[in-house]
């Protein structure tokens, strides 16, 4: 977009339909002729993998009352077209972030101004509770104000449909098109207060009850009493629900990291409120060592993802990655279904194209169907919706998300926390551990080791760099990775898989929606995926390598070899 176009977009925000403070900030940006003006107006915020996220501030590329108001007005218009004869209802939740409560009220006001009934949580709540609430309250859609684990300056807007899952095709495209037809002057901000109802304890109790029912698996009272748990909410929403669910499930030895207990959108004790980052769980790990805890669990600000640390064979606390957690959780669920005689060939487990290949091997060994979709839990929720004849056991992705059953249609750190404690308690009662069970799975199915590399590329220039990197990977495909011949390339942008040595007529179509993802596979099963993030200014590279593991005793040796292999691949791809 030219500077003239950017300036014209900014000048449109000087109209009387925008408040005085907003107009003042825009004038200051125009007078400075600054880079801030370009960053604020060079594009409109778009829906990505996890809804719409952006830095809070003035402009079409920022999160503010006008960009969210326009979204909500467009969504209101769309709902009326889709359900012309129905009394429309929506439910709204928000997390701990700065301005989330105020922005949630703006969204509620716009819906009500459009004669839509609104259920608005009276205070912050976990995202999975919002997903649950859509179906529980029989709503047409739901909204949660959150930016997940992004830095403090971010906020976001996620839309859920009638099934409790996030927007997917065709609704997502149709709603975006509806929003694009609107001018900011068309937003109805004047609330009809009679249509806004505040909700809290009734829905809380229903969600907690469902979480306990879905996350509990006949663990003995003595095993629960013997498990020592350390929990941190990282200043987020999970403090409102996880302690309650653990208590109702019978877990008494729960120590909460007090310094991180209070919700705070500035996240004062961590550089990043991301349970993927070891530094985020530093305080929890210290408390675990002090109390000799068996398991540490930390959740992100909106409580849909969790990080788990357990004791290894040397009794040291180690943080598991999302693939490892997902493998053990999936194994446990499959075992429970098998013990109960519930596996009959009409079940499935869902995951994503950038998650560990080991999950497919594990799931299929139980005679259960394995389904794989694009990154993001909305695609796993869509699998459930598209396969009403199959029972959904559970599903996960490498980015620390997991879902138990389908009473929630998004990743759910609340129920997954309980599930992790059930596994840890039962394994300890059997004389092993969560970690040792993971090693046993490696021995049985092969040791798969993964690593994620995220390259941050901010702003307009960063977006161009990411675009160029993906173009280069497509135009100059790798023939070898780590000394291994590439045998297959999956290009999800063109929806085609290319097998080396075959003619164009032998190209295989990919049966998932188009996405800007490229995956390489080598003759020995090494997998490298490249994918621009849908929620952050990053390009992500996912590396998976594998080797047989003959015994648990060989784990450290084989892990060292696979780690060295990943280092070599990173260097080769200039990702070191």
Protein backbone atom coordinates (compact mmCIF):
# COMPACT_ATOMS: atom_id res chain seq x y z
CA UNK A 1 0.00 0.00 0.00
CA UNK A 2 1.35 3.43 -0.95
CA UNK A 3 1.97 6.12 1.64
CA UNK A 4 -0.83 8.17 0.04
CA UNK A 5 -3.30 5.34 0.63
CA UNK A 6 -2.11 4.90 4.21
CA UNK A 7 -2.52 8.61 4.86
CA UNK A 8 -6.04 8.57 3.37
CA UNK A 9 -7.02 5.66 5.61
CA UNK A 10 -5.73 7.54 8.64
CA UNK A 11 -7.51 10.78 7.70
CA UNK A 12 -10.80 8.86 7.60
CA UNK A 13 -10.38 8.42 11.37
CA UNK A 14 -10.69 12.19 11.87
CA UNK A 15 -14.44 12.05 11.25
CA UNK A 16 -16.88 12.91 14.08
CA UNK A 17 -17.86 9.22 14.37
CA UNK A 18 -14.50 8.66 16.12
CA UNK A 19 -14.00 9.99 19.66
CA UNK A 20 -11.87 13.06 20.35
CA UNK A 21 -8.98 11.13 21.92
CA UNK A 22 -8.72 8.87 18.87
CA UNK A 23 -8.80 11.85 16.50
CA UNK A 24 -6.08 13.55 18.54
CA UNK A 25 -3.76 10.51 18.31
CA UNK A 26 -4.32 10.23 14.57
CA UNK A 27 -3.54 13.93 14.05
CA UNK A 28 -0.29 13.52 15.99
CA UNK A 29 0.71 10.57 13.82
CA UNK A 30 -0.11 12.51 10.65
CA UNK A 31 1.89 15.52 11.81
CA UNK A 32 4.93 13.38 12.63
CA UNK A 33 4.67 11.54 9.30
CA UNK A 34 5.98 8.60 11.29
CA UNK A 35 6.55 4.89 10.91
CA UNK A 36 3.89 4.50 13.59
CA UNK A 37 1.34 5.84 11.09
CA UNK A 38 2.32 3.18 8.56
CA UNK A 39 2.23 0.36 11.11
CA UNK A 40 -1.17 1.50 12.38
CA UNK A 41 -2.93 1.85 9.02
CA UNK A 42 -1.06 -0.12 6.32
CA UNK A 43 -3.58 -2.96 6.57
CA UNK A 44 -6.71 -4.11 8.35
CA UNK A 45 -6.26 -6.65 11.13
CA UNK A 46 -7.08 -10.12 9.82
CA UNK A 47 -8.39 -13.35 11.30
CA UNK A 48 -5.57 -15.87 11.68
CA UNK A 49 -5.02 -19.31 13.23
CA UNK A 50 -6.44 -18.29 16.61
CA UNK A 51 -8.81 -15.48 15.68
CA UNK A 52 -7.73 -11.85 15.48
CA UNK A 53 -4.79 -10.63 17.54
CA UNK A 54 -2.90 -7.38 17.48
CA UNK A 55 -1.22 -4.63 19.46
CA UNK A 56 -3.68 -2.34 21.24
CA UNK A 57 -3.80 1.20 19.93
CA UNK A 58 -5.30 3.49 17.30
CA UNK A 59 -5.61 2.39 13.69
CA UNK A 60 -7.03 -0.26 11.37
CA UNK A 61 -4.11 -2.59 12.18
CA UNK A 62 -4.60 -2.30 15.94
CA UNK A 63 -6.97 -3.68 18.54
CA UNK A 64 -9.35 -0.91 19.67
CA UNK A 65 -13.06 -0.25 20.16
CA UNK A 66 -13.52 0.58 16.48
CA UNK A 67 -11.83 -2.44 14.92
CA UNK A 68 -13.61 -4.75 17.38
CA UNK A 69 -16.83 -2.78 16.98
CA UNK A 70 -16.67 -3.21 13.22
CA UNK A 71 -16.07 -6.95 13.62
CA UNK A 72 -19.03 -7.22 15.95
CA UNK A 73 -21.30 -5.18 13.71
CA UNK A 74 -20.41 -7.37 10.74
CA UNK A 75 -20.95 -10.50 12.81
CA UNK A 76 -24.33 -9.17 13.99
CA UNK A 77 -25.41 -8.57 10.39
CA UNK A 78 -24.23 -12.04 9.40
CA UNK A 79 -26.09 -13.73 12.25
CA UNK A 80 -29.32 -12.02 11.24
CA UNK A 81 -28.93 -13.28 7.68
CA UNK A 82 -28.16 -16.83 8.81
CA UNK A 83 -30.91 -17.06 11.44
CA UNK A 84 -33.64 -14.65 10.28
CA UNK A 85 -36.45 -16.28 12.27
CA UNK A 86 -34.59 -16.89 15.54
CA UNK A 87 -34.06 -14.87 18.71
CA UNK A 88 -30.30 -14.49 18.56
CA UNK A 89 -28.08 -15.13 21.59
CA UNK A 90 -24.35 -14.72 22.11
CA UNK A 91 -22.03 -15.27 25.08
CA UNK A 92 -18.90 -13.19 25.77
CA UNK A 93 -15.88 -13.89 27.98
CA UNK A 94 -12.57 -12.15 28.48
CA UNK A 95 -9.17 -12.82 30.01
CA UNK A 96 -6.78 -10.95 32.32
CA UNK A 97 -5.31 -8.62 29.72
CA UNK A 98 -5.27 -4.87 30.00
CA UNK A 99 -8.50 -3.42 28.56
CA UNK A 100 -10.11 -6.85 28.08
CA UNK A 101 -13.03 -6.05 30.38
CA UNK A 102 -13.68 -2.70 28.71
CA UNK A 103 -13.41 -4.14 25.20
CA UNK A 104 -15.73 -7.01 26.15
CA UNK A 105 -18.29 -4.44 27.24
CA UNK A 106 -17.95 -2.64 23.89
CA UNK A 107 -18.58 -5.91 22.07
CA UNK A 108 -21.61 -6.62 24.29
CA UNK A 109 -22.96 -3.12 23.64
CA UNK A 110 -22.75 -3.51 19.86
CA UNK A 111 -24.49 -6.90 19.89
CA UNK A 112 -27.27 -5.54 22.11
CA UNK A 113 -27.63 -2.44 19.92
CA UNK A 114 -28.38 -4.89 17.12
CA UNK A 115 -31.18 -6.52 19.18
CA UNK A 116 -29.11 -9.59 20.04
CA UNK A 117 -29.34 -11.13 23.52
CA UNK A 118 -25.96 -11.10 25.29
CA UNK A 119 -24.66 -13.27 28.13
CA UNK A 120 -21.57 -11.49 29.49
CA UNK A 121 -19.33 -13.03 32.15
CA UNK A 122 -19.12 -10.72 35.14
CA UNK A 123 -15.38 -11.27 35.44
CA UNK A 124 -12.49 -12.97 33.66
CA UNK A 125 -12.92 -16.64 32.72
CA UNK A 126 -10.88 -19.34 30.92
CA UNK A 127 -11.34 -19.65 27.17
CA UNK A 128 -12.47 -23.32 27.37
CA UNK A 129 -15.31 -22.23 29.65
CA UNK A 130 -16.45 -19.86 26.90
CA UNK A 131 -16.45 -22.72 24.40
CA UNK A 132 -18.48 -24.82 26.84
CA UNK A 133 -20.87 -21.93 27.49
CA UNK A 134 -21.87 -21.55 23.84
CA UNK A 135 -23.55 -24.97 23.86
CA UNK A 136 -24.62 -24.84 27.52
CA UNK A 137 -26.52 -21.58 26.98
CA UNK A 138 -27.72 -22.60 23.51
CA UNK A 139 -26.11 -19.57 21.87
CA UNK A 140 -25.58 -18.90 18.19
CA UNK A 141 -22.01 -17.81 18.74
CA UNK A 142 -19.49 -16.83 21.39
CA UNK A 143 -16.68 -14.28 21.69
CA UNK A 144 -13.64 -14.29 23.93
CA UNK A 145 -11.33 -11.28 24.31
CA UNK A 146 -7.81 -12.71 24.59
CA UNK A 147 -4.38 -12.71 22.99
CA UNK A 148 -3.37 -16.02 24.54
CA UNK A 149 0.36 -15.95 25.38
CA UNK A 150 1.30 -12.86 23.34
CA UNK A 151 3.16 -9.97 25.05
CA UNK A 152 1.26 -7.50 27.30
CA UNK A 153 0.66 -4.94 24.56
CA UNK A 154 -1.54 -7.40 22.62
CA UNK A 155 -5.20 -8.26 22.80
CA UNK A 156 -7.50 -10.28 20.57
CA UNK A 157 -10.94 -11.43 19.50
CA UNK A 158 -11.90 -15.06 18.94
CA UNK A 159 -15.25 -16.12 17.49
CA UNK A 160 -16.97 -19.43 18.29
CA UNK A 161 -19.90 -20.94 16.43
CA UNK A 162 -22.94 -22.93 17.62
CA UNK A 163 -20.99 -26.15 18.19
CA UNK A 164 -18.58 -24.39 20.56
CA UNK A 165 -15.72 -24.53 18.05
CA UNK A 166 -13.92 -21.58 16.52
CA UNK A 167 -14.89 -20.21 13.12
CA UNK A 168 -13.96 -22.40 10.15
CA UNK A 169 -14.96 -22.38 6.47
CA UNK A 170 -17.33 -21.32 5.12
CA UNK A 171 -18.44 -19.08 7.99
CA UNK A 172 -15.04 -17.46 8.54
CA UNK A 173 -14.70 -16.19 4.97
CA UNK A 174 -18.33 -15.12 4.77
CA UNK A 175 -18.08 -13.14 8.01
CA UNK A 176 -14.84 -11.46 6.91
CA UNK A 177 -16.54 -10.47 3.67
CA UNK A 178 -19.51 -9.10 5.62
CA UNK A 179 -17.20 -7.03 7.85
CA UNK A 180 -15.36 -5.66 4.79
CA UNK A 181 -18.59 -4.15 3.41
CA UNK A 182 -18.99 -1.91 6.46
CA UNK A 183 -17.86 1.62 7.15
CA UNK A 184 -16.94 2.54 10.70
CA UNK A 185 -19.86 4.99 10.76
CA UNK A 186 -22.26 2.03 10.55
CA UNK A 187 -21.22 0.55 13.91
CA UNK A 188 -24.06 0.68 16.46
CA UNK A 189 -22.39 1.47 19.79
CA UNK A 190 -25.51 2.54 21.73
CA UNK A 191 -26.27 -0.44 23.97
CA UNK A 192 -29.66 -1.86 24.83
CA UNK A 193 -28.91 -2.68 28.47
CA UNK A 194 -32.06 -4.77 28.76
CA UNK A 195 -30.52 -7.34 26.42
CA UNK A 196 -27.28 -7.79 28.43
CA UNK A 197 -27.30 -10.39 31.22
CA UNK A 198 -24.27 -10.94 33.46
CA UNK A 199 -23.42 -14.58 34.20
CA UNK A 200 -21.09 -16.30 36.64
CA UNK A 201 -21.62 -19.08 39.20
CA UNK A 202 -24.22 -21.23 37.42
CA UNK A 203 -22.06 -21.64 34.33
CA UNK A 204 -18.92 -22.01 36.47
CA UNK A 205 -20.41 -24.94 38.38
CA UNK A 206 -21.67 -26.61 35.22
CA UNK A 207 -18.28 -26.32 33.54
CA UNK A 208 -16.38 -27.54 36.60
CA UNK A 209 -18.72 -30.54 36.90
CA UNK A 210 -18.25 -31.43 33.22
CA UNK A 211 -14.48 -31.02 33.53
CA UNK A 212 -14.30 -33.41 36.49
CA UNK A 213 -16.55 -35.94 34.74
CA UNK A 214 -14.46 -35.91 31.56
CA UNK A 215 -11.02 -35.69 33.18
CA UNK A 216 -11.35 -38.30 35.95
CA UNK A 217 -10.50 -42.00 35.48
CA UNK A 218 -11.01 -44.08 38.64
CA UNK A 219 -7.88 -42.91 40.43
CA UNK A 220 -7.89 -44.13 44.03
CA UNK A 221 -8.20 -41.65 46.88
CA UNK A 222 -4.85 -42.80 48.27
CA UNK A 223 -3.12 -42.18 44.94
CA UNK A 224 -4.58 -38.68 44.80
CA UNK A 225 -3.49 -37.98 48.36
CA UNK A 226 0.04 -39.14 47.53
CA UNK A 227 0.49 -36.82 44.53
CA UNK A 228 2.14 -33.46 45.22
CA UNK A 229 1.15 -30.80 42.68
CA UNK A 230 2.55 -27.32 42.05
CA UNK A 231 0.35 -25.04 39.96
CA UNK A 232 0.85 -21.58 38.50
CA UNK A 233 -1.69 -19.54 36.55
CA UNK A 234 1.04 -17.14 35.29
CA UNK A 235 -1.21 -14.21 36.27
CA UNK A 236 -4.01 -15.56 34.06
CA UNK A 237 -7.58 -16.81 34.15
CA UNK A 238 -6.97 -20.43 35.17
CA UNK A 239 -6.82 -19.39 38.84
CA UNK A 240 -10.62 -19.01 38.64
CA UNK A 241 -11.18 -22.66 37.71
CA UNK A 242 -8.25 -25.10 38.00
CA UNK A 243 -7.93 -25.09 41.82
CA UNK A 244 -11.71 -25.61 42.04
CA UNK A 245 -11.64 -28.54 39.57
CA UNK A 246 -8.68 -30.23 41.27
CA UNK A 247 -10.38 -29.90 44.66
CA UNK A 248 -13.67 -31.30 43.36
CA UNK A 249 -11.76 -34.20 41.78
CA UNK A 250 -10.19 -35.03 45.17
CA UNK A 251 -6.66 -33.58 44.86
CA UNK A 252 -5.63 -31.98 48.15
CA UNK A 253 -1.84 -31.53 47.88
CA UNK A 254 -1.89 -28.54 45.53
CA UNK A 255 0.60 -25.70 46.08
CA UNK A 256 -0.07 -22.51 44.14
CA UNK A 257 2.71 -20.10 43.19
CA UNK A 258 1.48 -17.14 45.20
CA UNK A 259 3.57 -14.51 43.37
CA UNK A 260 1.77 -15.41 40.11
CA UNK A 261 -1.69 -16.02 41.52
CA UNK A 262 -3.27 -12.61 40.94
CA UNK A 263 -4.53 -11.93 37.38
CA UNK A 264 -2.42 -9.16 35.85
CA UNK A 265 -2.22 -8.20 32.19
CA UNK A 266 1.31 -6.86 32.66
CA UNK A 267 2.58 -10.32 33.69
CA UNK A 268 5.09 -8.78 36.12
CA UNK A 269 7.02 -11.92 37.12
CA UNK A 270 7.69 -13.33 33.64
CA UNK A 271 9.18 -12.08 30.41
CA UNK A 272 6.57 -14.07 28.51
CA UNK A 273 3.43 -15.76 29.96
CA UNK A 274 4.02 -18.74 27.70
CA UNK A 275 4.18 -22.22 29.27
CA UNK A 276 6.29 -23.33 26.29
CA UNK A 277 9.11 -21.22 27.71
CA UNK A 278 11.07 -22.81 30.59
CA UNK A 279 11.65 -19.37 32.11
CA UNK A 280 7.89 -18.91 32.59
CA UNK A 281 7.79 -21.88 34.97
CA UNK A 282 10.95 -20.92 36.91
CA UNK A 283 9.08 -19.97 40.10
CA UNK A 284 6.93 -23.09 39.92
CA UNK A 285 9.97 -25.32 39.47
CA UNK A 286 11.68 -23.70 42.46
CA UNK A 287 8.59 -24.30 44.58
CA UNK A 288 8.44 -27.90 43.36
CA UNK A 289 12.01 -28.54 44.48
CA UNK A 290 11.31 -26.92 47.83
CA UNK A 291 8.25 -29.13 48.40
CA UNK A 292 9.50 -32.22 46.57
CA UNK A 293 6.48 -32.10 44.25
CA UNK A 294 5.79 -34.76 41.64
CA UNK A 295 4.37 -32.53 38.92
CA UNK A 296 4.35 -28.86 37.93
CA UNK A 297 1.61 -27.39 35.77
CA UNK A 298 1.48 -23.87 34.35
CA UNK A 299 -1.13 -22.39 32.04
CA UNK A 300 -1.18 -19.49 29.62
CA UNK A 301 -3.26 -16.34 30.30
CA UNK A 302 -6.55 -17.61 28.84
CA UNK A 303 -6.06 -21.16 30.17
CA UNK A 304 -6.27 -23.10 26.93
CA UNK A 305 -2.65 -24.34 26.91
CA UNK A 306 -0.56 -25.95 29.62
CA UNK A 307 3.07 -26.68 30.31
CA UNK A 308 3.98 -29.73 32.40
CA UNK A 309 7.17 -30.57 34.26
CA UNK A 310 7.75 -33.97 35.88
CA UNK A 311 10.64 -35.74 37.56
CA UNK A 312 13.02 -37.65 35.29
CA UNK A 313 14.96 -40.83 36.12
CA UNK A 314 17.46 -38.75 38.12
CA UNK A 315 14.63 -37.18 40.13
CA UNK A 316 15.21 -33.80 38.45
CA UNK A 317 12.30 -31.69 37.24
CA UNK A 318 12.16 -31.47 33.43
CA UNK A 319 9.73 -29.51 31.28
CA UNK A 320 8.05 -31.70 28.69
CA UNK A 321 7.27 -30.31 25.27
CA UNK A 322 3.78 -30.31 23.78
CA UNK A 323 4.39 -33.41 21.70
CA UNK A 324 5.55 -35.41 24.71
CA UNK A 325 2.60 -34.34 26.86
CA UNK A 326 0.19 -35.12 24.03
CA UNK A 327 1.64 -38.60 23.52
CA UNK A 328 1.30 -39.64 27.16
CA UNK A 329 -2.18 -38.13 27.50
CA UNK A 330 -3.37 -39.81 24.32
CA UNK A 331 -1.91 -43.17 25.40
CA UNK A 332 -3.69 -42.89 28.75
CA UNK A 333 -7.06 -42.07 27.16
CA UNK A 334 -6.70 -44.95 24.70
CA UNK A 335 -5.89 -47.30 27.57
CA UNK A 336 -8.96 -46.18 29.50
CA UNK A 337 -11.22 -46.66 26.48
CA UNK A 338 -9.67 -50.08 25.86
CA UNK A 339 -10.16 -51.19 29.48
CA UNK A 340 -13.79 -50.12 29.32
CA UNK A 341 -14.32 -52.08 26.08
CA UNK A 342 -15.33 -48.90 24.25
CA UNK A 343 -13.01 -49.24 21.21
CA UNK A 344 -14.95 -50.69 18.29
CA UNK A 345 -13.39 -49.01 15.26
CA UNK A 346 -15.70 -45.99 15.38
CA UNK A 347 -13.42 -43.68 17.35
CA UNK A 348 -10.80 -41.14 16.38
CA UNK A 349 -8.01 -38.97 17.74
CA UNK A 350 -7.21 -35.61 16.13
CA UNK A 351 -3.98 -33.69 15.72
CA UNK A 352 -2.20 -31.32 13.35
CA UNK A 353 0.20 -31.55 10.42
CA UNK A 354 3.10 -30.02 12.38
CA UNK A 355 2.76 -32.33 15.41
CA UNK A 356 4.89 -35.44 16.02
CA UNK A 357 4.50 -38.30 13.49
CA UNK A 358 4.71 -40.69 16.46
CA UNK A 359 1.12 -39.91 17.46
CA UNK A 360 -0.27 -41.56 14.32
CA UNK A 361 1.69 -44.76 15.07
CA UNK A 362 0.46 -44.84 18.68
CA UNK A 363 -3.19 -44.22 17.82
CA UNK A 364 -3.39 -46.71 14.97
CA UNK A 365 -1.84 -49.41 17.18
CA UNK A 366 -5.05 -49.26 19.24
CA UNK A 367 -7.23 -49.72 16.17
CA UNK A 368 -8.41 -46.12 16.37
CA UNK A 369 -8.65 -43.74 13.43
CA UNK A 370 -6.13 -40.91 13.33
CA UNK A 371 -7.13 -37.61 11.72
CA UNK A 372 -4.79 -34.75 10.94
CA UNK A 373 -5.60 -31.14 10.08
CA UNK A 374 -4.07 -27.71 9.81
CA UNK A 375 -2.53 -25.97 12.80
CA UNK A 376 -5.10 -24.70 15.27
CA UNK A 377 -7.72 -26.41 17.38
CA UNK A 378 -10.54 -25.06 15.27
CA UNK A 379 -9.65 -27.77 12.76
CA UNK A 380 -9.84 -30.50 15.39
CA UNK A 381 -13.26 -29.14 16.45
CA UNK A 382 -14.29 -29.25 12.78
CA UNK A 383 -13.27 -32.94 12.64
CA UNK A 384 -15.79 -33.64 15.40
CA UNK A 385 -18.49 -31.65 13.62
CA UNK A 386 -17.80 -33.34 10.27
CA UNK A 387 -17.78 -36.88 11.71
CA UNK A 388 -20.95 -37.29 13.81
CA UNK A 389 -20.75 -41.07 13.41
CA UNK A 390 -17.39 -41.27 15.18
CA UNK A 391 -16.61 -40.84 18.88
CA UNK A 392 -13.88 -38.33 19.63
CA UNK A 393 -11.46 -39.63 22.27
CA UNK A 394 -9.14 -36.64 22.50
CA UNK A 395 -6.71 -34.57 20.53
CA UNK A 396 -3.68 -32.35 20.79
CA UNK A 397 -1.09 -30.29 19.01
CA UNK A 398 2.58 -29.61 19.54
CA UNK A 399 1.96 -26.10 20.85
CA UNK A 400 0.94 -27.34 24.32
CA UNK A 401 -2.78 -27.72 23.64
CA UNK A 402 -4.95 -30.74 24.43
CA UNK A 403 -8.67 -31.52 24.47
CA UNK A 404 -10.35 -34.37 26.37
CA UNK A 405 -13.60 -35.52 24.75
CA UNK A 406 -15.90 -33.08 23.00
CA UNK A 407 -17.79 -31.28 25.78
CA UNK A 408 -15.41 -28.39 24.98
CA UNK A 409 -14.57 -27.75 21.35
CA UNK A 410 -11.21 -26.04 21.85
CA UNK A 411 -7.97 -26.81 23.65
CA UNK A 412 -8.68 -26.96 27.34
CA UNK A 413 -5.97 -26.52 29.98
CA UNK A 414 -8.50 -26.96 32.80
CA UNK A 415 -9.54 -30.54 32.02
CA UNK A 416 -6.08 -31.37 30.66
CA UNK A 417 -4.55 -30.33 33.99
CA UNK A 418 -6.81 -32.79 35.78
CA UNK A 419 -5.98 -35.48 33.21
CA UNK A 420 -2.24 -34.93 33.74
CA UNK A 421 -2.70 -35.31 37.49
CA UNK A 422 -4.71 -38.51 37.01
CA UNK A 423 -1.88 -39.97 34.93
CA UNK A 424 0.82 -38.86 37.38
CA UNK A 425 -1.12 -40.21 40.36
CA UNK A 426 -1.85 -43.59 38.79
CA UNK A 427 1.71 -44.01 37.49
CA UNK A 428 3.15 -43.17 40.91
CA UNK A 429 0.82 -45.69 42.53
CA UNK A 430 2.12 -48.31 40.09
CA UNK A 431 5.72 -47.56 41.03
CA UNK A 432 6.74 -45.67 37.89
CA UNK A 433 6.20 -42.07 36.75
CA UNK A 434 4.74 -39.91 34.03
CA UNK A 435 8.24 -39.54 32.58
CA UNK A 436 9.07 -43.25 32.68
CA UNK A 437 5.81 -44.08 30.92
CA UNK A 438 6.83 -41.69 28.14
CA UNK A 439 10.16 -43.55 27.79
CA UNK A 440 8.30 -46.87 27.59
CA UNK A 441 6.25 -45.46 24.72
CA UNK A 442 9.48 -44.48 22.93
CA UNK A 443 10.76 -48.04 23.30
CA UNK A 444 7.55 -49.48 21.88
CA UNK A 445 6.87 -47.03 19.04
CA UNK A 446 10.25 -45.42 18.30
CA UNK A 447 11.88 -42.34 19.76
CA UNK A 448 10.71 -39.18 18.00
CA UNK A 449 12.37 -35.94 19.03
CA UNK A 450 11.06 -32.57 17.93
CA UNK A 451 12.21 -28.98 18.11
CA UNK A 452 10.46 -25.72 17.21
CA UNK A 453 12.43 -22.72 15.94
CA UNK A 454 10.55 -19.39 15.83
CA UNK A 455 12.06 -16.43 13.98
CA UNK A 456 10.49 -13.10 14.96
CA UNK A 457 10.01 -10.70 12.03
CA UNK A 458 8.06 -7.62 13.11
CA UNK A 459 6.27 -4.96 11.09
CA UNK A 460 5.93 -4.38 7.34
CA UNK A 461 9.55 -5.35 6.62
CA UNK A 462 9.22 -8.47 8.73
CA UNK A 463 6.11 -9.58 6.86
CA UNK A 464 8.00 -9.17 3.58
CA UNK A 465 10.96 -11.20 4.90
CA UNK A 466 8.66 -14.04 5.93
CA UNK A 467 6.97 -13.98 2.53
CA UNK A 468 10.35 -14.14 0.77
CA UNK A 469 11.54 -17.06 2.90
CA UNK A 470 8.48 -19.12 1.94
CA UNK A 471 8.86 -18.20 -1.73
CA UNK A 472 12.52 -19.27 -1.68
CA UNK A 473 11.66 -22.62 -0.08
CA UNK A 474 9.10 -23.27 -2.81
CA UNK A 475 11.17 -22.08 -5.75
CA UNK A 476 14.36 -23.76 -4.55
CA UNK A 477 13.17 -26.97 -2.87
CA UNK A 478 15.62 -28.84 -0.66
CA UNK A 479 16.91 -32.09 -2.15
CA UNK A 480 18.58 -33.27 1.08
CA UNK A 481 18.17 -32.59 4.79
CA UNK A 482 20.77 -33.76 7.28
CA UNK A 483 22.42 -35.92 4.63
CA UNK A 484 19.14 -37.72 3.92
CA UNK A 485 17.40 -37.63 0.56
CA UNK A 486 14.09 -35.73 0.49
CA UNK A 487 11.39 -38.08 -0.81
CA UNK A 488 8.23 -36.03 -0.33
CA UNK A 489 7.24 -32.36 -0.22
CA UNK A 490 3.78 -31.30 0.89
CA UNK A 491 2.77 -27.80 -0.19
CA UNK A 492 -0.47 -26.87 1.54
CA UNK A 493 -0.69 -23.60 -0.35
CA UNK A 494 -1.12 -25.44 -3.64
CA UNK A 495 -2.77 -28.46 -1.91
CA UNK A 496 -0.30 -30.79 -3.59
CA UNK A 497 2.25 -33.35 -2.42
CA UNK A 498 5.28 -33.88 -4.66
CA UNK A 499 7.14 -37.19 -4.57
CA UNK A 500 10.66 -36.83 -5.91
CA UNK A 501 11.23 -38.68 -9.16
CA UNK A 502 7.57 -38.78 -10.17
CA UNK A 503 5.96 -36.90 -13.04
CA UNK A 504 3.46 -34.11 -12.57
CA UNK A 505 0.65 -36.54 -13.32
CA UNK A 506 1.59 -38.47 -10.18
CA UNK A 507 1.25 -35.48 -7.83
CA UNK A 508 -1.06 -36.29 -4.91
CA UNK A 509 -3.73 -33.82 -3.77
CA UNK A 510 -3.84 -32.85 -0.08
CA UNK A 511 -7.26 -33.25 1.50
CA UNK A 512 -7.20 -30.20 3.78
CA UNK A 513 -7.91 -26.49 3.18
CA UNK A 514 -5.17 -24.39 1.64
CA UNK A 515 -2.64 -22.86 4.01
CA UNK A 516 0.82 -21.33 3.75
CA UNK A 517 2.66 -24.41 5.04
CA UNK A 518 5.47 -26.40 3.43
CA UNK A 519 6.62 -29.80 4.79
CA UNK A 520 9.65 -31.86 3.73
CA UNK A 521 10.07 -35.59 4.49
CA UNK A 522 13.29 -37.57 4.07
CA UNK A 523 13.90 -41.23 3.36
CA UNK A 524 14.61 -41.88 7.06
CA UNK A 525 11.52 -40.13 8.38
CA UNK A 526 13.03 -36.75 9.22
CA UNK A 527 10.37 -34.06 8.89
CA UNK A 528 10.87 -30.30 8.51
CA UNK A 529 7.89 -27.96 8.29
CA UNK A 530 7.90 -24.21 7.59
CA UNK A 531 4.91 -22.10 8.52
CA UNK A 532 4.31 -18.37 9.08
CA UNK A 533 2.44 -17.91 12.36
CA UNK A 534 -1.23 -16.98 12.10
CA UNK A 535 -1.20 -15.00 15.35
CA UNK A 536 2.29 -13.52 15.79
CA UNK A 537 4.93 -11.83 13.59
CA UNK A 538 6.93 -15.06 13.30
CA UNK A 539 7.90 -17.78 10.89
CA UNK A 540 8.10 -21.19 12.53
CA UNK A 541 10.19 -24.21 11.60
CA UNK A 542 9.28 -27.60 13.06
CA UNK A 543 11.99 -30.29 13.00
CA UNK A 544 11.26 -33.94 13.80
CA UNK A 545 13.89 -36.70 13.82
CA UNK A 546 13.63 -40.27 15.03
CA UNK A 547 15.53 -43.44 15.88
CA UNK A 548 14.75 -46.84 17.43
CA UNK A 549 15.09 -47.04 21.21
CA UNK A 550 15.93 -50.57 22.34
CA UNK A 551 15.60 -49.92 26.05
CA UNK A 552 14.89 -47.16 28.56
CA UNK A 553 18.54 -47.36 29.63
CA UNK A 554 19.60 -46.21 26.13
CA UNK A 555 17.47 -43.07 26.24
CA UNK A 556 20.18 -40.53 27.15
CA UNK A 557 22.54 -41.88 24.48
CA UNK A 558 19.94 -41.81 21.68
CA UNK A 559 18.59 -38.44 22.78
CA UNK A 560 22.10 -36.98 22.50
CA UNK A 561 22.45 -38.37 18.98
CA UNK A 562 19.07 -36.97 17.89
CA UNK A 563 19.83 -33.59 19.49
CA UNK A 564 23.07 -33.40 17.52
CA UNK A 565 21.15 -34.26 14.37
CA UNK A 566 18.72 -31.40 14.98
CA UNK A 567 21.62 -28.99 15.60
CA UNK A 568 23.15 -30.03 12.27
CA UNK A 569 19.85 -29.50 10.45
CA UNK A 570 19.40 -26.08 12.04
CA UNK A 571 22.88 -25.10 10.88
CA UNK A 572 22.26 -26.45 7.41
CA UNK A 573 19.02 -24.45 7.09
CA UNK A 574 20.68 -21.37 8.66
CA UNK A 575 18.34 -21.53 11.65
CA UNK A 576 21.08 -21.92 14.27
